[in-house]
Protein backbone atom coordinates (compact mmCIF):
# COMPACT_ATOMS: atom_id res chain seq x y z
CA MET A 1 -126.85 -9.01 -99.18
CA LYS A 2 -125.88 -12.08 -97.12
CA LYS A 3 -125.12 -14.02 -100.35
CA ALA A 4 -122.89 -11.50 -101.55
CA PHE A 5 -121.12 -11.37 -98.42
CA SER A 6 -120.49 -14.83 -98.22
CA PHE A 7 -119.27 -14.89 -101.82
CA ALA A 8 -116.99 -12.03 -101.22
CA THR A 9 -115.53 -13.83 -98.04
CA PHE A 10 -114.94 -16.83 -99.88
CA ALA A 11 -113.19 -15.12 -102.76
CA LEU A 12 -110.93 -13.35 -100.38
CA LEU A 13 -109.96 -16.49 -98.72
CA ALA A 14 -109.48 -18.16 -102.06
CA LEU A 15 -107.10 -15.46 -103.24
CA PRO A 16 -103.87 -17.02 -101.98
CA LEU A 17 -104.87 -20.20 -103.70
CA LEU A 18 -105.00 -18.53 -107.05
CA ALA A 19 -101.56 -16.99 -106.60
CA SER A 20 -100.06 -20.51 -105.98
CA ALA A 21 -102.18 -22.54 -108.50
CA GLN A 22 -100.76 -25.77 -109.49
CA ALA A 23 -101.75 -28.37 -111.87
CA VAL A 24 -103.20 -31.40 -110.14
CA ASN A 25 -102.08 -34.49 -112.09
CA ASN A 26 -102.61 -37.33 -109.65
CA ILE A 27 -104.00 -38.13 -106.22
CA SER A 28 -100.74 -37.41 -104.52
CA ASP A 29 -100.83 -33.81 -105.93
CA ALA A 30 -104.49 -33.30 -104.91
CA GLY A 31 -103.43 -34.37 -101.45
CA SER A 32 -100.51 -32.09 -101.33
CA LEU A 33 -102.74 -29.19 -102.53
CA ILE A 34 -105.26 -29.96 -99.95
CA ILE A 35 -102.59 -30.08 -96.93
CA ASN A 36 -101.20 -26.76 -98.40
CA ILE A 37 -104.59 -25.19 -98.14
CA ILE A 38 -105.05 -26.30 -94.80
CA ASN A 39 -101.66 -25.28 -93.66
CA LYS A 40 -101.42 -21.84 -95.40
CA VAL A 41 -105.02 -20.56 -95.22
CA VAL A 42 -107.32 -22.50 -92.66
CA VAL A 43 -104.74 -22.80 -89.72
CA PRO A 44 -103.83 -19.03 -89.79
CA VAL A 45 -107.48 -18.00 -89.94
CA LEU A 46 -108.28 -20.11 -87.07
CA PHE A 47 -105.48 -18.73 -85.08
CA ALA A 48 -106.43 -15.19 -86.04
CA LEU A 49 -110.17 -15.94 -85.04
CA ALA A 50 -108.94 -17.32 -81.64
CA PHE A 51 -106.79 -14.30 -81.07
CA ILE A 52 -109.80 -11.81 -81.91
CA VAL A 53 -111.99 -13.72 -79.66
CA PHE A 54 -109.39 -13.23 -76.84
CA LEU A 55 -108.98 -9.61 -77.56
CA TRP A 56 -112.77 -8.95 -77.73
CA GLY A 57 -112.92 -10.64 -74.31
CA ALA A 58 -110.21 -8.63 -72.90
CA PHE A 59 -111.92 -5.51 -74.33
CA ASN A 60 -115.30 -6.54 -72.83
CA THR A 61 -113.67 -7.35 -69.37
CA PHE A 62 -111.53 -4.21 -68.99
CA ILE A 63 -113.15 -1.44 -71.05
CA LEU A 64 -116.88 -2.20 -71.56
CA GLY A 65 -117.24 -4.16 -68.37
CA ALA A 66 -115.68 -1.54 -65.97
CA ASN A 67 -119.12 -1.01 -64.30
CA SER A 68 -121.12 -3.98 -65.06
CA GLU A 69 -120.20 -7.52 -63.44
CA ASP A 70 -122.40 -9.21 -66.00
CA VAL A 71 -120.35 -7.77 -69.10
CA LYS A 72 -117.13 -8.69 -67.07
CA ASP A 73 -118.26 -12.29 -66.72
CA LYS A 74 -119.07 -12.53 -70.37
CA GLY A 75 -115.65 -11.01 -71.28
CA LYS A 76 -113.96 -13.36 -69.03
CA ASN A 77 -115.66 -16.37 -70.52
CA LEU A 78 -114.51 -14.98 -74.12
CA MET A 79 -111.04 -14.76 -72.94
CA LEU A 80 -111.28 -18.41 -71.50
CA TYR A 81 -112.64 -19.68 -74.83
CA GLY A 82 -109.95 -17.84 -76.77
CA LEU A 83 -107.04 -19.39 -74.64
CA ILE A 84 -108.86 -22.90 -74.75
CA GLY A 85 -108.84 -22.48 -78.52
CA PHE A 86 -105.22 -21.69 -78.69
CA PHE A 87 -104.29 -24.44 -76.43
CA VAL A 88 -106.33 -27.08 -78.51
CA MET A 89 -104.76 -25.87 -81.89
CA VAL A 90 -101.25 -25.75 -80.58
CA SER A 91 -101.64 -29.13 -78.94
CA ILE A 92 -103.09 -30.69 -82.22
CA TRP A 93 -100.39 -28.85 -84.35
CA GLY A 94 -97.65 -30.36 -82.11
CA LEU A 95 -99.21 -33.85 -82.13
CA VAL A 96 -99.35 -33.71 -85.99
CA ASN A 97 -95.75 -32.58 -86.21
CA VAL A 98 -94.62 -35.33 -83.85
CA LEU A 99 -96.51 -37.97 -85.74
CA THR A 100 -95.28 -36.56 -89.15
CA GLY A 101 -91.63 -36.68 -87.83
CA THR A 102 -91.64 -40.25 -86.41
CA VAL A 103 -93.91 -42.28 -88.78
CA THR A 104 -92.96 -43.23 -92.18
CA PHE A 105 -95.29 -44.66 -94.72
CA GLY A 106 -92.94 -46.71 -97.00
CA ASN A 107 -91.15 -43.83 -98.49
CA ASN A 108 -87.58 -43.82 -97.40
CA THR A 109 -86.55 -40.46 -98.51
CA GLY A 110 -85.98 -38.95 -95.22
CA PRO A 111 -82.60 -37.43 -93.74
CA GLY A 112 -81.35 -40.86 -92.52
CA ASP A 113 -80.82 -42.20 -96.02
CA THR A 114 -77.70 -40.41 -96.97
CA PRO A 115 -75.38 -38.89 -94.40
CA SER A 116 -74.68 -35.32 -95.02
CA ALA A 117 -71.34 -35.19 -93.02
CA GLY A 118 -68.95 -37.59 -91.64
CA VAL A 119 -66.82 -40.45 -93.19
CA GLN A 120 -68.68 -42.76 -95.75
CA ILE A 121 -67.35 -46.23 -95.98
CA GLY A 122 -68.15 -48.36 -98.90
CA GLY A 123 -69.38 -47.36 -102.24
């Protein structure tokens, strides 16, 4: 049963990849495909997981733990872990965006190459 569940879970997570299947012709395409998988599948799943952990902690703290201090403490810890997960993921996401926006690796195809407005002097 566990094997079938893990295969079904993998198939469900891979479903968006089948919809956007691309031919991989070179290493650059393979890298882009991996980056797209990470951005479109893995990151949203991690954010959803952190949100579910936070909600489960809130449910334990306020609903199930109304009469038990031990259950309240466990719920508070889950809420804290969920918030720490959000903070770490957003921090890494921001750091990657800053590095991506500032560092170029020899490809000069950025927005600074051709002005989109203003007076152009020369040919």
